[in-house]
């Protein structure tokens, strides 16, 4: 007697689900799948933010790209554990390209960002952009107007 394989038709079910629910339904889960790929914590102090991202197996930290907008942080890169000679049978550590965008709780400076990679963790320290209310005098320079003659 052959053992019953309840997952034998799983591929067919998935196709039917895709047709029934459509892309709109699955796209709603994108943020959850994205978060599973790169585990991240975001911490804040009065004038600082600290983003801690788990990136195992990163060979060269220069493979990570960081982009800072006034109230947004974007991180792109690739995780490759590079295990040779084995067949993957269970994957709990996501691999491949990733891109994460974080909405920040306050505007940050783009000229003062510290990023370090150590022990599989990417630490990104951001500093609040504080708009100064001080008055600064601007000096007017003279033009290059010379009399012709």
N, C-alpha and C. Protein backbone atom coordinates (compact mmCIF):
# COMPACT_ATOMS: atom_id res chain seq x y z
N UNK A 1 0.85 -1.19 0.00
CA UNK A 1 0.00 0.00 0.00
C UNK A 1 0.89 1.25 0.00
N UNK A 2 0.60 2.23 -0.89
CA UNK A 2 1.40 3.45 -0.98
C UNK A 2 0.98 4.45 0.10
N UNK A 3 1.94 5.15 0.70
CA UNK A 3 1.56 6.16 1.70
C UNK A 3 0.83 7.33 1.03
N UNK A 4 -0.12 7.89 1.75
CA UNK A 4 -0.90 9.02 1.24
C UNK A 4 -0.08 10.30 1.36
N UNK A 5 0.05 11.04 0.27
CA UNK A 5 0.78 12.30 0.27
C UNK A 5 -0.21 13.45 0.10
N UNK A 6 -0.58 14.07 1.21
CA UNK A 6 -1.59 15.13 1.18
C UNK A 6 -1.11 16.39 0.46
N UNK A 7 0.21 16.53 0.23
CA UNK A 7 0.75 17.73 -0.41
C UNK A 7 1.04 17.53 -1.90
N UNK A 8 0.66 16.38 -2.41
CA UNK A 8 0.95 16.02 -3.80
C UNK A 8 0.40 17.06 -4.79
N UNK A 9 -0.77 17.60 -4.51
CA UNK A 9 -1.41 18.55 -5.42
C UNK A 9 -1.24 20.00 -4.97
N UNK A 10 -0.27 20.27 -4.10
CA UNK A 10 -0.09 21.62 -3.55
C UNK A 10 0.14 22.66 -4.65
N UNK A 11 0.92 22.31 -5.67
CA UNK A 11 1.17 23.25 -6.77
C UNK A 11 -0.11 23.65 -7.48
N UNK A 12 -1.01 22.68 -7.69
CA UNK A 12 -2.29 22.96 -8.33
C UNK A 12 -3.13 23.87 -7.45
N UNK A 13 -3.12 23.63 -6.15
CA UNK A 13 -3.88 24.48 -5.21
C UNK A 13 -3.39 25.92 -5.29
N UNK A 14 -2.07 26.06 -5.31
CA UNK A 14 -1.50 27.42 -5.33
C UNK A 14 -1.95 28.18 -6.58
N UNK A 15 -1.96 27.49 -7.73
CA UNK A 15 -2.42 28.13 -8.97
C UNK A 15 -3.87 28.56 -8.84
N UNK A 16 -4.70 27.68 -8.25
CA UNK A 16 -6.12 28.01 -8.07
C UNK A 16 -6.28 29.18 -7.11
N UNK A 17 -5.50 29.19 -6.03
CA UNK A 17 -5.56 30.31 -5.08
C UNK A 17 -5.17 31.61 -5.76
N UNK A 18 -4.12 31.55 -6.58
CA UNK A 18 -3.68 32.76 -7.29
C UNK A 18 -4.80 33.29 -8.18
N UNK A 19 -5.47 32.40 -8.88
CA UNK A 19 -6.56 32.81 -9.77
C UNK A 19 -7.72 33.36 -8.97
N UNK A 20 -8.03 32.72 -7.85
CA UNK A 20 -9.18 33.12 -7.04
C UNK A 20 -8.94 34.46 -6.34
N UNK A 21 -7.79 34.56 -5.65
CA UNK A 21 -7.52 35.77 -4.86
C UNK A 21 -6.92 36.90 -5.69
N UNK A 22 -6.11 36.59 -6.68
CA UNK A 22 -5.49 37.62 -7.51
C UNK A 22 -4.28 38.25 -6.83
N UNK A 23 -3.54 39.05 -7.60
CA UNK A 23 -2.30 39.68 -7.11
C UNK A 23 -2.55 40.65 -5.97
N UNK A 24 -3.70 41.34 -6.00
CA UNK A 24 -4.00 42.33 -4.96
C UNK A 24 -3.94 41.69 -3.58
N UNK A 25 -4.49 40.49 -3.47
CA UNK A 25 -4.53 39.78 -2.19
C UNK A 25 -3.12 39.46 -1.72
N UNK A 26 -2.30 38.87 -2.58
CA UNK A 26 -0.96 38.44 -2.19
C UNK A 26 -0.06 39.64 -1.92
N UNK A 27 -0.26 40.75 -2.66
CA UNK A 27 0.57 41.94 -2.44
C UNK A 27 0.38 42.51 -1.04
N UNK A 28 -0.76 42.25 -0.44
CA UNK A 28 -1.01 42.72 0.92
C UNK A 28 -0.08 42.06 1.94
N UNK A 29 0.46 40.91 1.58
CA UNK A 29 1.36 40.19 2.48
C UNK A 29 2.82 40.57 2.27
N UNK A 30 3.12 41.37 1.23
CA UNK A 30 4.51 41.72 0.90
C UNK A 30 5.30 42.23 2.11
N UNK A 31 4.76 43.18 2.91
CA UNK A 31 5.56 43.68 4.04
C UNK A 31 5.95 42.57 5.02
N UNK A 32 5.08 41.57 5.20
CA UNK A 32 5.40 40.48 6.12
C UNK A 32 6.52 39.61 5.57
N UNK A 33 6.45 39.31 4.27
CA UNK A 33 7.50 38.52 3.65
C UNK A 33 8.81 39.29 3.67
N UNK A 34 8.72 40.61 3.43
CA UNK A 34 9.91 41.46 3.42
C UNK A 34 10.56 41.47 4.80
N UNK A 35 9.75 41.57 5.86
CA UNK A 35 10.28 41.60 7.21
C UNK A 35 10.92 40.28 7.60
N UNK A 36 10.40 39.17 7.07
CA UNK A 36 10.99 37.87 7.37
C UNK A 36 12.40 37.79 6.77
N UNK A 37 12.61 38.49 5.67
CA UNK A 37 13.89 38.38 4.97
C UNK A 37 15.01 39.07 5.74
N UNK A 38 14.75 40.20 6.31
CA UNK A 38 15.78 40.92 7.05
C UNK A 38 15.20 41.39 8.38
N UNK A 39 15.56 40.72 9.45
CA UNK A 39 15.05 41.08 10.76
C UNK A 39 15.69 42.40 11.17
N UNK A 40 14.86 43.32 11.64
CA UNK A 40 15.33 44.67 11.95
C UNK A 40 14.66 45.20 13.20
N UNK A 41 15.46 45.89 14.04
CA UNK A 41 14.92 46.65 15.17
C UNK A 41 15.25 48.11 14.94
N UNK A 42 14.33 48.99 15.33
CA UNK A 42 14.56 50.43 15.23
C UNK A 42 14.37 51.01 16.63
N UNK A 43 15.39 51.71 17.11
CA UNK A 43 15.38 52.30 18.45
C UNK A 43 15.48 53.82 18.32
N UNK A 44 14.94 54.54 19.33
CA UNK A 44 15.10 55.99 19.30
C UNK A 44 15.43 56.53 20.68
N UNK A 45 16.21 57.61 20.67
CA UNK A 45 16.47 58.45 21.84
C UNK A 45 15.94 59.82 21.47
N UNK A 46 16.19 60.77 22.30
CA UNK A 46 15.66 62.12 22.06
C UNK A 46 16.04 62.64 20.67
N UNK A 47 17.33 62.59 20.33
CA UNK A 47 17.78 63.14 19.05
C UNK A 47 18.52 62.14 18.18
N UNK A 48 18.33 60.85 18.43
CA UNK A 48 19.03 59.83 17.66
C UNK A 48 18.11 58.66 17.35
N UNK A 49 18.42 57.97 16.26
CA UNK A 49 17.77 56.72 15.91
C UNK A 49 18.87 55.69 15.70
N UNK A 50 18.58 54.45 16.05
CA UNK A 50 19.52 53.36 15.82
C UNK A 50 18.74 52.23 15.13
N UNK A 51 19.19 51.89 13.94
CA UNK A 51 18.60 50.80 13.17
C UNK A 51 19.56 49.63 13.25
N UNK A 52 19.08 48.48 13.75
CA UNK A 52 19.90 47.27 13.87
C UNK A 52 19.28 46.21 12.96
N UNK A 53 20.04 45.80 11.95
CA UNK A 53 19.54 44.86 10.95
C UNK A 53 20.40 43.61 10.95
N UNK A 54 19.76 42.45 11.01
CA UNK A 54 20.44 41.17 11.00
C UNK A 54 20.77 40.79 9.55
N UNK A 55 22.07 40.76 9.21
CA UNK A 55 22.52 40.42 7.87
C UNK A 55 23.60 39.34 7.96
N UNK A 56 23.22 38.09 8.14
CA UNK A 56 24.23 37.04 8.27
C UNK A 56 24.93 36.77 6.95
N UNK A 57 26.20 36.43 7.04
CA UNK A 57 26.94 36.00 5.85
C UNK A 57 27.35 37.11 4.91
N UNK A 58 27.29 38.34 5.34
CA UNK A 58 27.71 39.45 4.48
C UNK A 58 29.23 39.45 4.39
N UNK A 59 29.76 39.19 3.21
CA UNK A 59 31.21 39.09 3.03
C UNK A 59 31.86 40.47 3.01
N UNK A 60 31.25 41.39 2.28
CA UNK A 60 31.82 42.72 2.13
C UNK A 60 30.75 43.76 2.47
N UNK A 61 30.94 44.52 3.55
CA UNK A 61 29.94 45.53 3.93
C UNK A 61 29.66 46.55 2.83
N UNK A 62 30.59 46.70 1.89
CA UNK A 62 30.37 47.64 0.79
C UNK A 62 29.28 47.16 -0.17
N UNK A 63 28.83 45.90 0.00
CA UNK A 63 27.73 45.38 -0.82
C UNK A 63 26.38 45.95 -0.38
N UNK A 64 26.36 46.59 0.78
CA UNK A 64 25.12 47.19 1.29
C UNK A 64 25.09 48.65 0.86
N UNK A 65 23.94 49.07 0.36
CA UNK A 65 23.75 50.47 -0.03
C UNK A 65 22.74 51.10 0.92
N UNK A 66 23.08 52.27 1.44
CA UNK A 66 22.19 53.03 2.32
C UNK A 66 21.81 54.33 1.64
N UNK A 67 20.54 54.68 1.74
CA UNK A 67 20.06 55.95 1.21
C UNK A 67 19.23 56.62 2.30
N UNK A 68 19.50 57.90 2.54
CA UNK A 68 18.78 58.64 3.57
C UNK A 68 18.04 59.80 2.94
N UNK A 69 16.75 59.86 3.23
CA UNK A 69 15.93 61.01 2.88
C UNK A 69 15.56 61.67 4.20
N UNK A 70 14.96 62.85 4.16
CA UNK A 70 14.69 63.53 5.44
C UNK A 70 14.00 62.65 6.49
N UNK A 71 13.03 61.83 6.10
CA UNK A 71 12.32 61.03 7.11
C UNK A 71 12.18 59.58 6.65
N UNK A 72 13.22 59.10 5.95
CA UNK A 72 13.16 57.74 5.42
C UNK A 72 14.57 57.16 5.26
N UNK A 73 14.70 55.88 5.59
CA UNK A 73 15.96 55.16 5.43
C UNK A 73 15.70 53.98 4.50
N UNK A 74 16.56 53.81 3.50
CA UNK A 74 16.44 52.69 2.57
C UNK A 74 17.73 51.90 2.60
N UNK A 75 17.61 50.58 2.72
CA UNK A 75 18.76 49.69 2.78
C UNK A 75 18.61 48.63 1.69
N UNK A 76 19.63 48.47 0.87
CA UNK A 76 19.64 47.46 -0.19
C UNK A 76 20.89 46.62 -0.06
N UNK A 77 20.80 45.36 -0.45
CA UNK A 77 21.98 44.51 -0.40
C UNK A 77 21.66 43.10 -0.81
N UNK A 78 22.59 42.20 -0.48
CA UNK A 78 22.41 40.80 -0.83
C UNK A 78 23.01 39.92 0.26
N UNK A 79 22.25 38.90 0.65
CA UNK A 79 22.71 37.92 1.62
C UNK A 79 23.00 36.63 0.87
N UNK A 80 24.22 36.13 1.02
CA UNK A 80 24.61 34.89 0.36
C UNK A 80 25.46 34.09 1.33
N UNK A 81 24.89 33.02 1.87
CA UNK A 81 25.62 32.21 2.84
C UNK A 81 26.69 31.34 2.18
N UNK A 82 26.56 31.10 0.88
CA UNK A 82 27.59 30.42 0.09
C UNK A 82 28.00 29.08 0.70
N UNK A 83 27.02 28.22 0.98
CA UNK A 83 27.29 26.87 1.49
C UNK A 83 27.43 25.94 0.29
N UNK A 84 28.59 25.35 0.14
CA UNK A 84 28.89 24.52 -1.03
C UNK A 84 28.77 23.03 -0.69
N UNK A 85 28.35 22.24 -1.67
CA UNK A 85 28.35 20.79 -1.54
C UNK A 85 27.17 20.20 -0.79
N UNK A 86 26.19 21.03 -0.44
CA UNK A 86 25.02 20.54 0.28
C UNK A 86 23.76 20.96 -0.45
N UNK A 87 22.69 20.19 -0.26
CA UNK A 87 21.39 20.55 -0.80
C UNK A 87 20.57 21.16 0.33
N UNK A 88 19.99 22.31 0.08
CA UNK A 88 19.17 23.00 1.09
C UNK A 88 17.85 22.25 1.25
N UNK A 89 17.54 21.81 2.47
CA UNK A 89 16.27 21.11 2.71
C UNK A 89 15.32 21.90 3.59
N UNK A 90 15.84 22.87 4.34
CA UNK A 90 14.98 23.76 5.14
C UNK A 90 15.66 25.12 5.22
N UNK A 91 14.92 26.17 4.88
CA UNK A 91 15.51 27.50 4.85
C UNK A 91 14.83 28.40 5.88
N UNK A 92 15.59 28.76 6.92
CA UNK A 92 15.10 29.70 7.93
C UNK A 92 15.83 31.03 7.84
N UNK A 93 16.97 31.04 7.15
CA UNK A 93 17.73 32.27 6.92
C UNK A 93 17.55 32.64 5.46
N UNK A 94 16.81 33.70 5.21
CA UNK A 94 16.54 34.10 3.82
C UNK A 94 17.82 34.56 3.15
N UNK A 95 17.94 34.24 1.87
CA UNK A 95 19.11 34.64 1.10
C UNK A 95 18.66 35.38 -0.16
N UNK A 96 19.61 36.03 -0.79
CA UNK A 96 19.32 36.74 -2.03
C UNK A 96 19.27 38.24 -1.80
N UNK A 97 18.80 38.94 -2.82
CA UNK A 97 18.74 40.40 -2.74
C UNK A 97 17.61 40.83 -1.80
N UNK A 98 17.84 41.95 -1.12
CA UNK A 98 16.80 42.51 -0.26
C UNK A 98 16.79 44.01 -0.41
N UNK A 99 15.66 44.59 -0.12
CA UNK A 99 15.51 46.05 -0.10
C UNK A 99 14.48 46.37 0.97
N UNK A 100 14.85 47.20 1.91
CA UNK A 100 13.94 47.60 3.00
C UNK A 100 13.89 49.12 3.05
N UNK A 101 12.71 49.65 3.26
CA UNK A 101 12.52 51.09 3.43
C UNK A 101 11.80 51.31 4.75
N UNK A 102 12.34 52.22 5.56
CA UNK A 102 11.79 52.51 6.88
C UNK A 102 11.34 53.96 6.93
N UNK A 103 10.11 54.17 7.37
CA UNK A 103 9.64 55.53 7.65
C UNK A 103 10.15 55.88 9.04
N UNK A 104 10.81 57.01 9.16
CA UNK A 104 11.42 57.40 10.42
C UNK A 104 10.50 58.34 11.19
N UNK A 105 10.58 58.31 12.53
CA UNK A 105 9.65 59.12 13.34
C UNK A 105 9.94 60.61 13.33
N UNK A 106 11.14 61.00 12.85
CA UNK A 106 11.45 62.42 12.71
C UNK A 106 12.50 62.61 11.63
N UNK A 107 12.62 63.83 11.08
CA UNK A 107 13.62 64.07 10.03
C UNK A 107 15.03 63.86 10.57
N UNK A 108 15.91 63.31 9.73
CA UNK A 108 17.29 63.06 10.13
C UNK A 108 18.25 63.78 9.20
N UNK A 109 19.46 63.95 9.69
CA UNK A 109 20.52 64.60 8.91
C UNK A 109 21.10 63.59 7.92
N UNK A 110 21.35 64.02 6.71
CA UNK A 110 21.96 63.12 5.75
C UNK A 110 23.48 63.25 5.75
N UNK A 111 24.01 64.22 6.51
CA UNK A 111 25.46 64.44 6.56
C UNK A 111 26.09 63.83 7.82
N UNK A 112 25.27 63.19 8.66
CA UNK A 112 25.78 62.61 9.90
C UNK A 112 25.12 61.25 10.13
N UNK A 113 25.58 60.25 9.35
CA UNK A 113 25.06 58.89 9.45
C UNK A 113 26.26 57.98 9.68
N UNK A 114 26.20 57.17 10.72
CA UNK A 114 27.28 56.22 11.02
C UNK A 114 26.74 54.82 10.80
N UNK A 115 27.42 54.03 9.95
CA UNK A 115 26.99 52.66 9.69
C UNK A 115 28.18 51.72 9.88
N UNK A 116 27.97 50.67 10.69
CA UNK A 116 29.02 49.68 10.92
C UNK A 116 28.41 48.29 10.81
N UNK A 117 29.23 47.33 10.40
CA UNK A 117 28.80 45.94 10.30
C UNK A 117 29.71 45.11 11.17
N UNK A 118 29.12 44.40 12.14
CA UNK A 118 29.91 43.61 13.08
C UNK A 118 29.09 42.44 13.59
N UNK A 119 29.68 41.25 13.62
CA UNK A 119 29.03 40.04 14.14
C UNK A 119 27.67 39.77 13.50
N UNK A 120 27.56 40.01 12.19
CA UNK A 120 26.33 39.73 11.48
C UNK A 120 25.25 40.79 11.61
N UNK A 121 25.57 41.89 12.30
CA UNK A 121 24.60 42.97 12.49
C UNK A 121 25.06 44.25 11.82
N UNK A 122 24.15 44.89 11.09
CA UNK A 122 24.40 46.20 10.52
C UNK A 122 23.78 47.22 11.47
N UNK A 123 24.60 48.13 11.99
CA UNK A 123 24.11 49.17 12.90
C UNK A 123 24.18 50.52 12.19
N UNK A 124 23.05 51.19 12.09
CA UNK A 124 22.97 52.48 11.41
C UNK A 124 22.50 53.50 12.43
N UNK A 125 23.36 54.48 12.71
CA UNK A 125 23.02 55.52 13.68
C UNK A 125 22.69 56.80 12.92
N UNK A 126 21.51 57.32 13.20
CA UNK A 126 21.01 58.53 12.53
C UNK A 126 20.78 59.61 13.57
N UNK A 127 20.92 60.86 13.16
CA UNK A 127 20.78 62.00 14.08
C UNK A 127 19.66 62.92 13.59
N UNK A 128 18.87 63.35 14.56
CA UNK A 128 17.74 64.23 14.25
C UNK A 128 18.21 65.52 13.57
N UNK A 129 17.48 65.91 12.54
CA UNK A 129 17.75 67.19 11.88
C UNK A 129 16.99 68.26 12.65
N UNK A 130 17.74 69.10 13.34
CA UNK A 130 17.13 70.17 14.14
C UNK A 130 17.24 71.46 13.36
N UNK A 131 16.09 72.02 13.06
CA UNK A 131 16.08 73.27 12.31
C UNK A 131 16.37 74.41 13.27
N UNK A 132 17.41 75.14 12.94
CA UNK A 132 17.86 76.23 13.82
C UNK A 132 16.97 77.45 13.66
N UNK A 133 16.70 78.10 14.77
CA UNK A 133 15.89 79.32 14.74
C UNK A 133 16.78 80.54 15.00
N UNK A 134 18.09 80.34 14.90
CA UNK A 134 18.98 81.47 15.16
C UNK A 134 19.08 82.35 13.93
N UNK A 135 19.34 83.61 14.17
CA UNK A 135 19.47 84.57 13.09
C UNK A 135 20.93 84.66 12.68
N UNK A 136 21.19 84.53 11.39
CA UNK A 136 22.55 84.58 10.89
C UNK A 136 22.66 85.69 9.85
N UNK A 137 23.65 86.54 9.99
CA UNK A 137 23.82 87.63 9.04
C UNK A 137 24.51 87.12 7.78
N UNK A 138 23.97 87.55 6.65
CA UNK A 138 24.54 87.21 5.35
C UNK A 138 25.17 88.48 4.79
N UNK A 139 26.42 88.38 4.39
CA UNK A 139 27.12 89.55 3.86
C UNK A 139 26.96 89.61 2.35
N UNK A 140 26.69 90.80 1.87
CA UNK A 140 26.50 91.03 0.44
C UNK A 140 27.83 91.44 -0.17
N UNK A 141 28.24 90.72 -1.20
CA UNK A 141 29.50 91.05 -1.86
C UNK A 141 29.24 92.05 -2.98
N UNK A 142 30.25 92.82 -3.26
CA UNK A 142 30.16 93.79 -4.36
C UNK A 142 30.33 93.07 -5.69
N UNK A 143 29.67 93.60 -6.72
CA UNK A 143 29.77 93.01 -8.05
C UNK A 143 31.05 93.44 -8.76
N UNK A 144 31.25 92.96 -9.95
CA UNK A 144 32.46 93.28 -10.73
C UNK A 144 32.16 94.38 -11.73
N UNK A 145 31.46 95.42 -11.27
CA UNK A 145 31.10 96.52 -12.18
C UNK A 145 32.24 97.53 -12.24
N UNK A 146 32.88 97.61 -13.36
CA UNK A 146 33.96 98.59 -13.54
C UNK A 146 33.54 99.54 -14.66
N UNK A 147 33.90 100.80 -14.48
CA UNK A 147 33.54 101.79 -15.51
C UNK A 147 34.41 101.58 -16.73
N UNK A 148 33.75 101.63 -17.88
CA UNK A 148 34.50 101.53 -19.13
C UNK A 148 34.87 102.93 -19.59
N UNK A 149 36.03 103.09 -20.17
CA UNK A 149 36.29 104.42 -20.66
C UNK A 149 37.65 104.75 -20.96
